């Protein structure tokens, strides 16, 4: 399946890769391949469903590498943001395996309609996230793509 999910106690973020452009021959300016996807966010009673999101598989690769390191070290901060600044996602780890997930999503940049979200998670929730991201990296490669 071409998606990954970051889950927590009171929410989740699900990102789907619906169209991957150029794969496997033309790489993106941002590394990997350009992606037109969908994002779904649930934070408490607030919700974004089926919103369009553009990013690259290279940006996912970088996020995956940073996330693995924080997961292993139980410390640090990981950020995922795509090039058009519609989404910013920060995962802050502490030494007890707890993760604070916060960020924002703005579907249309020139409108003041922004979802700011925050929810808690823990290290055990990331096992499936890391597996899903690993599958995507295996399929689409790193910043240079898949040759």
C-alpha atoms as a PDB file:
ATOM      1  CA  UNK A   1       0.000   0.000   0.000  1.00  0.00           C
ATOM      2  CA  UNK A   2       1.315   3.475  -0.891  1.00  0.00           C
ATOM      3  CA  UNK A   3       0.762   5.251   2.425  1.00  0.00           C
ATOM      4  CA  UNK A   4       2.052   5.689   5.926  1.00  0.00           C
ATOM      5  CA  UNK A   5       0.409   6.634   9.198  1.00  0.00           C
ATOM      6  CA  UNK A   6       1.703   8.272  12.347  1.00  0.00           C
ATOM      7  CA  UNK A   7      -0.637   7.347  15.175  1.00  0.00           C
ATOM      8  CA  UNK A   8      -1.039   8.674  18.675  1.00  0.00           C
ATOM      9  CA  UNK A   9      -3.338   8.569  21.656  1.00  0.00           C
ATOM     10  CA  UNK A  10      -5.830  11.187  20.455  1.00  0.00           C
ATOM     11  CA  UNK A  11      -5.093  11.383  16.755  1.00  0.00           C
ATOM     12  CA  UNK A  12      -3.270  10.309  13.627  1.00  0.00           C
ATOM     13  CA  UNK A  13      -1.792  11.586  10.389  1.00  0.00           C
ATOM     14  CA  UNK A  14      -2.155   9.464   7.260  1.00  0.00           C
ATOM     15  CA  UNK A  15      -0.394  10.377   4.025  1.00  0.00           C
ATOM     16  CA  UNK A  16      -1.141   8.534   0.784  1.00  0.00           C
ATOM     17  CA  UNK A  17       0.983   8.559  -2.345  1.00  0.00           C
ATOM     18  CA  UNK A  18      -1.628   8.564  -5.109  1.00  0.00           C
ATOM     19  CA  UNK A  19       0.456   9.541  -8.151  1.00  0.00           C
ATOM     20  CA  UNK A  20       4.245   9.229  -8.292  1.00  0.00           C
ATOM     21  CA  UNK A  21       5.534  11.157 -11.305  1.00  0.00           C
ATOM     22  CA  UNK A  22       8.667  10.237 -13.224  1.00  0.00           C
ATOM     23  CA  UNK A  23       9.181   6.876 -11.519  1.00  0.00           C
ATOM     24  CA  UNK A  24      11.683   5.329 -12.175  1.00  0.00           C
ATOM     25  CA  UNK A  25      13.360   7.516 -14.823  1.00  0.00           C
ATOM     26  CA  UNK A  26      12.893  11.203 -13.906  1.00  0.00           C
ATOM     27  CA  UNK A  27      13.817  12.448 -10.464  1.00  0.00           C
ATOM     28  CA  UNK A  28      12.459  15.518  -8.718  1.00  0.00           C
ATOM     29  CA  UNK A  29      14.242  18.745  -7.891  1.00  0.00           C
ATOM     30  CA  UNK A  30      13.520  17.869  -4.236  1.00  0.00           C
ATOM     31  CA  UNK A  31      15.017  14.371  -4.515  1.00  0.00           C
ATOM     32  CA  UNK A  32      13.299  11.118  -5.403  1.00  0.00           C
ATOM     33  CA  UNK A  33      10.076  11.557  -7.387  1.00  0.00           C
ATOM     34  CA  UNK A  34       7.298  14.120  -7.285  1.00  0.00           C
ATOM     35  CA  UNK A  35       4.168  12.891  -5.551  1.00  0.00           C
ATOM     36  CA  UNK A  36       0.561  14.012  -5.629  1.00  0.00           C
ATOM     37  CA  UNK A  37      -1.010  12.572  -2.536  1.00  0.00           C
ATOM     38  CA  UNK A  38      -3.741  12.900   0.032  1.00  0.00           C
ATOM     39  CA  UNK A  39      -3.479  13.713   3.701  1.00  0.00           C
ATOM     40  CA  UNK A  40      -5.828  12.863   6.529  1.00  0.00           C
ATOM     41  CA  UNK A  41      -5.371  14.331  10.003  1.00  0.00           C
ATOM     42  CA  UNK A  42      -7.336  13.646  13.168  1.00  0.00           C
ATOM     43  CA  UNK A  43      -6.472  15.537  16.305  1.00  0.00           C
ATOM     44  CA  UNK A  44      -9.021  15.254  19.072  1.00  0.00           C
ATOM     45  CA  UNK A  45     -12.327  16.337  17.530  1.00  0.00           C
ATOM     46  CA  UNK A  46     -10.659  18.190  14.632  1.00  0.00           C
ATOM     47  CA  UNK A  47     -10.285  16.526  11.262  1.00  0.00           C
ATOM     48  CA  UNK A  48      -8.860  16.988   7.757  1.00  0.00           C
ATOM     49  CA  UNK A  49      -9.927  14.401   5.194  1.00  0.00           C
ATOM     50  CA  UNK A  50      -8.775  13.804   1.601  1.00  0.00           C
ATOM     51  CA  UNK A  51      -6.867  17.074   1.262  1.00  0.00           C
ATOM     52  CA  UNK A  52      -4.371  17.263  -1.610  1.00  0.00           C
ATOM     53  CA  UNK A  53      -0.665  17.349  -0.763  1.00  0.00           C
ATOM     54  CA  UNK A  54       2.366  17.621  -3.062  1.00  0.00           C
ATOM     55  CA  UNK A  55       5.777  16.376  -1.890  1.00  0.00           C
ATOM     56  CA  UNK A  56       8.609  14.134  -3.051  1.00  0.00           C
ATOM     57  CA  UNK A  57       9.749  10.636  -2.188  1.00  0.00           C
ATOM     58  CA  UNK A  58      13.131  12.204  -1.395  1.00  0.00           C
ATOM     59  CA  UNK A  59      11.498  14.269   1.344  1.00  0.00           C
ATOM     60  CA  UNK A  60       9.948  11.054   2.704  1.00  0.00           C
ATOM     61  CA  UNK A  61      13.356   9.369   2.603  1.00  0.00           C
ATOM     62  CA  UNK A  62      14.934  12.158   4.663  1.00  0.00           C
ATOM     63  CA  UNK A  63      12.060  12.025   7.149  1.00  0.00           C
ATOM     64  CA  UNK A  64      12.450   8.236   7.445  1.00  0.00           C
ATOM     65  CA  UNK A  65      16.200   8.451   8.157  1.00  0.00           C
ATOM     66  CA  UNK A  66      15.684  11.125  10.846  1.00  0.00           C
ATOM     67  CA  UNK A  67      12.771   9.228  12.381  1.00  0.00           C
ATOM     68  CA  UNK A  68      14.797   6.007  12.631  1.00  0.00           C
ATOM     69  CA  UNK A  69      17.589   7.835  14.454  1.00  0.00           C
ATOM     70  CA  UNK A  70      15.234   9.483  16.977  1.00  0.00           C
ATOM     71  CA  UNK A  71      13.407   6.181  17.475  1.00  0.00           C
ATOM     72  CA  UNK A  72      16.671   4.390  18.243  1.00  0.00           C
ATOM     73  CA  UNK A  73      18.216   7.167  20.370  1.00  0.00           C
ATOM     74  CA  UNK A  74      14.950   8.067  22.196  1.00  0.00           C
ATOM     75  CA  UNK A  75      15.731  11.739  21.760  1.00  0.00           C
ATOM     76  CA  UNK A  76      15.615  14.488  19.214  1.00  0.00           C
ATOM     77  CA  UNK A  77      13.160  16.164  16.897  1.00  0.00           C
ATOM     78  CA  UNK A  78      12.052  15.116  13.422  1.00  0.00           C
ATOM     79  CA  UNK A  79      10.365  17.489  10.983  1.00  0.00           C
ATOM     80  CA  UNK A  80       8.448  16.734   7.809  1.00  0.00           C
ATOM     81  CA  UNK A  81       7.433  19.636   5.634  1.00  0.00           C
ATOM     82  CA  UNK A  82       6.796  19.709   1.956  1.00  0.00           C
ATOM     83  CA  UNK A  83       8.093  22.375  -0.411  1.00  0.00           C
ATOM     84  CA  UNK A  84       4.939  24.487  -0.677  1.00  0.00           C
ATOM     85  CA  UNK A  85       4.570  24.908   3.105  1.00  0.00           C
ATOM     86  CA  UNK A  86       1.058  23.475   3.349  1.00  0.00           C
ATOM     87  CA  UNK A  87       2.164  20.993   6.017  1.00  0.00           C
ATOM     88  CA  UNK A  88       4.618  21.115   8.863  1.00  0.00           C
ATOM     89  CA  UNK A  89       4.900  18.168  11.191  1.00  0.00           C
ATOM     90  CA  UNK A  90       7.243  17.964  14.199  1.00  0.00           C
ATOM     91  CA  UNK A  91       7.819  14.876  16.321  1.00  0.00           C
ATOM     92  CA  UNK A  92       9.671  15.586  19.577  1.00  0.00           C
ATOM     93  CA  UNK A  93      11.041  12.566  21.454  1.00  0.00           C
ATOM     94  CA  UNK A  94      11.978  12.305  25.123  1.00  0.00           C
ATOM     95  CA  UNK A  95      14.082   9.628  26.838  1.00  0.00           C
ATOM     96  CA  UNK A  96      10.990   7.804  28.140  1.00  0.00           C
ATOM     97  CA  UNK A  97       9.705   6.887  24.680  1.00  0.00           C
ATOM     98  CA  UNK A  98       7.035   9.575  24.636  1.00  0.00           C
ATOM     99  CA  UNK A  99       6.522  11.686  21.524  1.00  0.00           C
ATOM    100  CA  UNK A 100       4.835  15.046  21.166  1.00  0.00           C
ATOM    101  CA  UNK A 101       3.418  15.446  17.647  1.00  0.00           C
ATOM    102  CA  UNK A 102       2.490  18.952  16.579  1.00  0.00           C
ATOM    103  CA  UNK A 103       2.193  20.980  13.444  1.00  0.00           C
ATOM    104  CA  UNK A 104      -0.166  22.626  11.039  1.00  0.00           C
ATOM    105  CA  UNK A 105      -1.900  22.018   7.736  1.00  0.00           C
ATOM    106  CA  UNK A 106      -3.160  24.706   5.386  1.00  0.00           C
ATOM    107  CA  UNK A 107      -4.826  23.400   2.244  1.00  0.00           C
ATOM    108  CA  UNK A 108      -4.922  26.758   0.437  1.00  0.00           C
ATOM    109  CA  UNK A 109      -1.966  28.980   1.336  1.00  0.00           C
ATOM    110  CA  UNK A 110      -3.610  32.333   0.611  1.00  0.00           C
ATOM    111  CA  UNK A 111      -6.590  31.611   2.890  1.00  0.00           C
ATOM    112  CA  UNK A 112      -6.447  31.901   6.674  1.00  0.00           C
ATOM    113  CA  UNK A 113      -7.984  28.477   7.231  1.00  0.00           C
ATOM    114  CA  UNK A 114      -5.308  26.544   9.146  1.00  0.00           C
ATOM    115  CA  UNK A 115      -5.515  23.459  11.338  1.00  0.00           C
ATOM    116  CA  UNK A 116      -2.946  23.608  14.137  1.00  0.00           C
ATOM    117  CA  UNK A 117      -2.738  20.221  15.788  1.00  0.00           C
ATOM    118  CA  UNK A 118      -1.006  18.520  18.672  1.00  0.00           C
ATOM    119  CA  UNK A 119      -1.298  15.069  20.193  1.00  0.00           C
ATOM    120  CA  UNK A 120       0.796  12.633  22.184  1.00  0.00           C
ATOM    121  CA  UNK A 121       2.213   9.318  21.070  1.00  0.00           C
ATOM    122  CA  UNK A 122       4.817   6.841  22.222  1.00  0.00           C
ATOM    123  CA  UNK A 123       7.584   4.788  20.706  1.00  0.00           C
ATOM    124  CA  UNK A 124       5.489   1.625  20.318  1.00  0.00           C
ATOM    125  CA  UNK A 125       3.118   3.424  17.911  1.00  0.00           C
ATOM    126  CA  UNK A 126       6.009   4.017  15.497  1.00  0.00           C
ATOM    127  CA  UNK A 127       6.806   0.380  14.771  1.00  0.00           C
ATOM    128  CA  UNK A 128       4.233   0.214  11.970  1.00  0.00           C
ATOM    129  CA  UNK A 129       5.083   3.744  10.769  1.00  0.00           C
ATOM    130  CA  UNK A 130       8.744   2.801  10.342  1.00  0.00           C
ATOM    131  CA  UNK A 131       7.787  -0.411   8.532  1.00  0.00           C
ATOM    132  CA  UNK A 132       5.480   1.505   6.162  1.00  0.00           C
ATOM    133  CA  UNK A 133       8.135   4.154   5.457  1.00  0.00           C
ATOM    134  CA  UNK A 134      10.764   1.454   4.932  1.00  0.00           C
ATOM    135  CA  UNK A 135       8.520  -0.173   2.309  1.00  0.00           C
ATOM    136  CA  UNK A 136       8.149   3.173   0.525  1.00  0.00           C
ATOM    137  CA  UNK A 137      11.912   3.776   0.604  1.00  0.00           C
ATOM    138  CA  UNK A 138      12.532   0.246  -0.733  1.00  0.00           C
ATOM    139  CA  UNK A 139      10.110   0.936  -3.568  1.00  0.00           C
ATOM    140  CA  UNK A 140      11.111   4.519  -4.511  1.00  0.00           C
ATOM    141  CA  UNK A 141      14.709   4.744  -3.286  1.00  0.00           C
ATOM    142  CA  UNK A 142      16.587   7.595  -1.681  1.00  0.00           C
ATOM    143  CA  UNK A 143      17.228  11.164  -2.879  1.00  0.00           C
ATOM    144  CA  UNK A 144      18.584   9.792  -6.178  1.00  0.00           C
ATOM    145  CA  UNK A 145      15.480   7.655  -6.751  1.00  0.00           C
ATOM    146  CA  UNK A 146      15.498   4.006  -7.719  1.00  0.00           C
ATOM    147  CA  UNK A 147      17.699   2.843 -10.565  1.00  0.00           C
END
